[in-house]
Protein backbone atom coordinates (compact mmCIF):
# COMPACT_ATOMS: atom_id res chain seq x y z
CA MET A 1 -103.41 -39.24 -10.48
CA VAL A 2 -100.23 -41.31 -10.47
CA GLY A 3 -96.65 -40.08 -10.55
CA ILE A 4 -94.59 -39.57 -13.67
CA LEU A 5 -90.92 -39.14 -14.51
CA GLY A 6 -89.32 -36.34 -16.45
CA ARG A 7 -86.25 -34.25 -17.22
CA LYS A 8 -85.74 -30.68 -16.05
CA LEU A 9 -85.05 -28.59 -19.16
CA GLY A 10 -84.56 -25.14 -17.64
CA MET A 11 -86.50 -22.03 -16.73
CA THR A 12 -88.63 -19.45 -18.50
CA GLN A 13 -91.33 -16.93 -17.65
CA SER A 14 -94.89 -16.27 -18.72
CA TYR A 15 -97.83 -14.01 -17.92
CA ASP A 16 -101.17 -15.09 -16.51
CA ASP A 17 -104.61 -13.70 -17.35
CA LYS A 18 -104.13 -10.86 -14.87
CA GLY A 19 -100.89 -9.71 -16.50
CA GLN A 20 -98.68 -10.97 -13.66
CA CYS A 21 -95.32 -12.44 -14.64
CA HIS A 22 -94.39 -15.87 -13.22
CA GLY A 23 -91.02 -17.61 -13.16
CA LEU A 24 -91.55 -21.13 -14.48
CA THR A 25 -89.56 -24.35 -14.52
CA VAL A 26 -89.94 -26.39 -17.71
CA ILE A 27 -90.03 -30.18 -17.32
CA GLU A 28 -90.27 -32.71 -20.12
CA ALA A 29 -92.59 -35.14 -18.34
CA GLY A 30 -93.01 -38.57 -19.89
CA PRO A 31 -94.37 -40.28 -21.72
CA CYS A 32 -93.92 -43.16 -19.29
CA VAL A 33 -95.07 -46.75 -19.65
CA VAL A 34 -96.41 -49.08 -16.96
CA ILE A 35 -94.04 -52.05 -16.88
CA GLN A 36 -95.40 -54.02 -13.93
CA VAL A 37 -98.46 -53.87 -11.68
CA LYS A 38 -97.86 -55.01 -8.10
CA VAL A 39 -100.72 -56.08 -5.80
CA ALA A 40 -100.77 -56.52 -2.04
CA ASP A 41 -101.86 -60.19 -2.15
CA LYS A 42 -98.82 -61.19 -4.20
CA ASP A 43 -96.15 -58.54 -3.63
CA GLY A 44 -97.13 -57.18 -0.22
CA TYR A 45 -98.14 -53.70 -1.41
CA ASP A 46 -100.02 -51.97 -4.21
CA ALA A 47 -97.84 -50.14 -6.72
CA ILE A 48 -96.96 -49.77 -10.36
CA GLN A 49 -93.51 -49.86 -11.90
CA VAL A 50 -93.01 -47.16 -14.52
CA GLY A 51 -90.41 -47.02 -17.29
CA PHE A 52 -88.99 -43.82 -18.77
CA GLU A 53 -86.75 -43.17 -21.80
CA PRO A 54 -86.91 -46.15 -24.21
CA LEU A 55 -83.77 -48.21 -24.71
CA ASP A 56 -82.84 -51.08 -27.00
CA LEU A 57 -83.20 -54.44 -25.26
CA LYS A 58 -79.73 -55.38 -26.54
CA LYS A 59 -78.23 -52.63 -24.38
CA THR A 60 -79.50 -54.13 -21.11
CA ASN A 61 -78.22 -57.09 -19.11
CA LYS A 62 -80.00 -60.45 -19.08
CA PRO A 63 -81.90 -59.97 -15.78
CA LEU A 64 -83.37 -56.64 -16.93
CA SER A 65 -84.04 -57.94 -20.42
CA GLY A 66 -85.91 -60.91 -18.93
CA HIS A 67 -87.87 -58.60 -16.65
CA PHE A 68 -89.09 -56.48 -19.56
CA LYS A 69 -89.91 -59.47 -21.74
CA GLY A 70 -91.65 -61.26 -18.87
CA ASN A 71 -94.01 -58.31 -18.47
CA GLY A 72 -94.81 -58.15 -22.16
CA SER A 73 -92.60 -55.20 -23.05
CA LYS A 74 -90.71 -55.30 -26.34
CA THR A 75 -88.63 -52.26 -25.34
CA ALA A 76 -86.31 -51.64 -22.42
CA TYR A 77 -86.28 -48.40 -20.47
CA ARG A 78 -83.38 -46.47 -19.05
CA VAL A 79 -85.14 -45.49 -15.80
CA LEU A 80 -87.49 -47.58 -13.65
CA ARG A 81 -89.42 -46.21 -10.68
CA GLU A 82 -92.28 -47.39 -8.51
CA PHE A 83 -95.32 -45.37 -7.44
CA ARG A 84 -97.76 -46.50 -4.76
CA VAL A 85 -101.39 -46.61 -5.92
CA ASP A 86 -104.70 -47.16 -4.17
CA ASP A 87 -106.30 -49.21 -6.93
CA PRO A 88 -103.81 -51.30 -8.95
CA SER A 89 -106.65 -52.79 -11.01
CA ALA A 90 -106.95 -49.45 -12.81
CA PHE A 91 -103.57 -50.04 -14.49
CA THR A 92 -102.29 -52.59 -17.00
CA SER A 93 -98.83 -53.39 -18.33
CA GLY A 94 -98.07 -51.32 -21.40
CA GLN A 95 -100.36 -48.47 -20.38
CA GLU A 96 -98.95 -45.06 -21.27
CA LEU A 97 -98.83 -42.20 -18.77
CA THR A 98 -98.58 -38.71 -20.21
CA VAL A 99 -98.50 -35.12 -19.04
CA GLU A 100 -102.20 -34.82 -19.87
CA GLN A 101 -103.09 -36.23 -16.44
CA PHE A 102 -102.08 -32.89 -14.88
CA LYS A 103 -104.25 -29.81 -14.78
CA PRO A 104 -103.35 -26.11 -14.38
CA GLY A 105 -103.57 -25.08 -10.75
CA GLN A 106 -102.81 -28.55 -9.42
CA LEU A 107 -100.31 -28.88 -6.56
CA LEU A 108 -97.38 -31.27 -7.04
CA ASP A 109 -94.29 -32.50 -5.22
CA ILE A 110 -91.12 -32.50 -7.34
CA ILE A 111 -88.44 -34.99 -6.25
CA GLY A 112 -84.91 -35.06 -7.62
CA THR A 113 -81.21 -34.88 -6.79
CA SER A 114 -79.92 -31.48 -5.75
CA LYS A 115 -76.88 -29.91 -7.41
CA GLY A 116 -73.60 -31.22 -6.01
CA LYS A 117 -71.30 -28.45 -4.77
CA GLY A 118 -68.44 -30.53 -3.41
CA PHE A 119 -66.80 -30.18 0.00
CA ALA A 120 -67.97 -27.07 1.85
CA GLY A 121 -67.31 -25.50 5.23
CA THR A 122 -69.85 -24.73 7.91
CA ILE A 123 -70.46 -21.16 6.74
CA LYS A 124 -71.53 -22.19 3.25
CA ARG A 125 -73.06 -25.52 4.23
CA HIS A 126 -74.95 -24.61 7.42
CA HIS A 127 -74.97 -20.78 7.27
CA PHE A 128 -72.73 -20.31 10.31
CA HIS A 129 -71.54 -16.80 11.14
CA ARG A 130 -67.84 -15.97 10.91
CA GLY A 131 -65.82 -14.36 13.67
CA PRO A 132 -64.33 -10.83 13.70
CA MET A 133 -61.71 -10.19 11.02
CA THR A 134 -59.67 -7.57 12.95
CA HIS A 135 -57.92 -6.94 16.29
CA GLY A 136 -55.92 -10.15 16.22
CA SER A 137 -58.91 -12.48 16.10
CA HIS A 138 -58.08 -16.08 15.19
CA ASN A 139 -61.74 -17.06 14.91
CA LYS A 140 -62.50 -16.21 11.28
CA ARG A 141 -64.08 -19.21 9.58
CA PRO A 142 -63.45 -22.24 11.83
CA PRO A 143 -66.56 -24.05 13.11
CA GLY A 144 -65.62 -23.58 16.77
CA SER A 145 -65.68 -26.04 19.65
CA ILE A 146 -67.41 -29.34 18.88
CA GLY A 147 -66.76 -31.42 22.00
CA ASN A 148 -68.13 -31.63 25.52
CA SER A 149 -66.57 -31.53 28.96
CA ALA A 150 -66.42 -34.45 31.43
CA TRP A 151 -69.79 -35.77 30.29
CA PRO A 152 -70.38 -37.33 27.82
CA SER A 153 -66.72 -36.74 26.81
CA ARG A 154 -67.36 -37.24 23.12
CA VAL A 155 -68.70 -35.46 20.08
CA VAL A 156 -72.46 -35.92 19.85
CA LYS A 157 -73.71 -37.51 16.63
CA GLY A 158 -75.37 -35.19 14.15
CA ARG A 159 -73.11 -32.22 14.85
CA LYS A 160 -73.12 -29.71 11.98
CA MET A 161 -69.69 -30.03 10.40
CA PRO A 162 -67.93 -29.39 7.09
CA GLY A 163 -68.64 -31.98 4.43
CA GLN A 164 -70.39 -32.84 1.18
CA LEU A 165 -72.86 -30.15 0.09
CA GLY A 166 -75.71 -31.05 -2.23
CA ASN A 167 -75.97 -34.15 -4.44
CA LYS A 168 -78.76 -35.52 -2.24
CA ARG A 169 -82.37 -36.51 -2.74
CA SER A 170 -84.40 -33.35 -2.44
CA THR A 171 -88.14 -32.62 -2.55
CA VAL A 172 -89.72 -29.30 -3.47
CA PRO A 173 -93.26 -29.56 -2.05
CA MET A 174 -96.49 -27.99 -3.25
CA VAL A 175 -95.53 -26.32 -6.51
CA ARG A 176 -98.42 -25.30 -8.73
CA VAL A 177 -98.92 -26.35 -12.35
CA PHE A 178 -99.03 -23.25 -14.54
CA SER A 179 -99.75 -24.92 -17.87
CA ILE A 180 -99.06 -28.02 -19.95
CA ASP A 181 -98.10 -28.67 -23.56
CA ALA A 182 -99.44 -32.14 -24.41
CA GLU A 183 -97.95 -32.21 -27.92
CA LYS A 184 -94.39 -31.67 -26.67
CA ASN A 185 -94.86 -33.43 -23.27
CA LEU A 186 -93.94 -30.23 -21.43
CA LEU A 187 -95.00 -29.31 -17.93
CA PHE A 188 -94.65 -25.71 -16.74
CA ILE A 189 -94.60 -25.35 -12.96
CA ASN A 190 -94.75 -22.12 -11.00
CA GLY A 191 -91.67 -22.61 -8.86
CA PRO A 192 -88.31 -24.40 -8.65
CA ALA A 193 -87.35 -28.02 -9.20
CA PRO A 194 -84.32 -29.74 -7.63
CA GLY A 195 -81.19 -30.47 -9.63
CA GLY A 196 -79.54 -29.07 -12.72
CA ARG A 197 -80.48 -28.98 -16.35
CA ASN A 198 -81.42 -32.39 -17.81
CA GLY A 199 -81.68 -33.78 -14.29
CA LEU A 200 -84.13 -36.61 -13.64
CA VAL A 201 -87.17 -35.64 -11.54
CA SER A 202 -90.15 -37.53 -10.18
CA ILE A 203 -93.50 -35.72 -10.20
CA GLN A 204 -96.42 -36.71 -7.98
CA SER A 205 -99.41 -35.25 -6.14
CA ALA A 206 -98.65 -33.02 -3.17
CA VAL A 207 -98.66 -35.01 0.06
CA LYS A 208 -98.97 -32.24 2.66
CA ASP A 209 -102.18 -30.39 3.38
CA HIS A 210 -102.15 -26.77 2.26
CA LYS A 211 -103.95 -23.58 3.13
CA GLY A 212 -104.35 -20.87 0.52
CA ASP A 213 -102.16 -20.61 -2.55
CA ALA A 214 -98.81 -22.31 -2.93
CA THR A 215 -95.86 -20.72 -4.64
């Protein structure tokens, strides 16, 4: 199985054969088209470049337009991503990738951009505890001491501080496919997906080993 791109549509719920209710994330996955096949002998690694969301060639710049035409594509695509593959000879330019490659019960990794929540303090961003609110305490929500004494006399890199919260690449590992709707290109996964509604997500096979069922 190779990865595919999609848009997160929202959430719903459904019942399985045992009557248990599951919270599901709905993703419109594909269809995607293979734009370019890369091989290790020529490009240094084996991968395929996939296009998602068709776009008029007139709406792209000349370098992108030439790239699509050079690979035999008569249509441009809004999003381009690469996926590593073991056997690039199994793919050809123009090949369509659909949601039908997934099966119920399969484990996937969902990659996207988390929701941006702006500037946040240490309590919201890193789950720090606040100080006492009574008896004249001045330690309510500040982060506390961040420096060191005589050595090394500086703030160590990587200190948890206030700053930008969210709006970062995020991966939700090992979510299980509940069902698919091939006609509408819909993928129902039993678990969350990063980002907000209509956010772009990348879907691929789970990388980590697992024991038992995944949520």
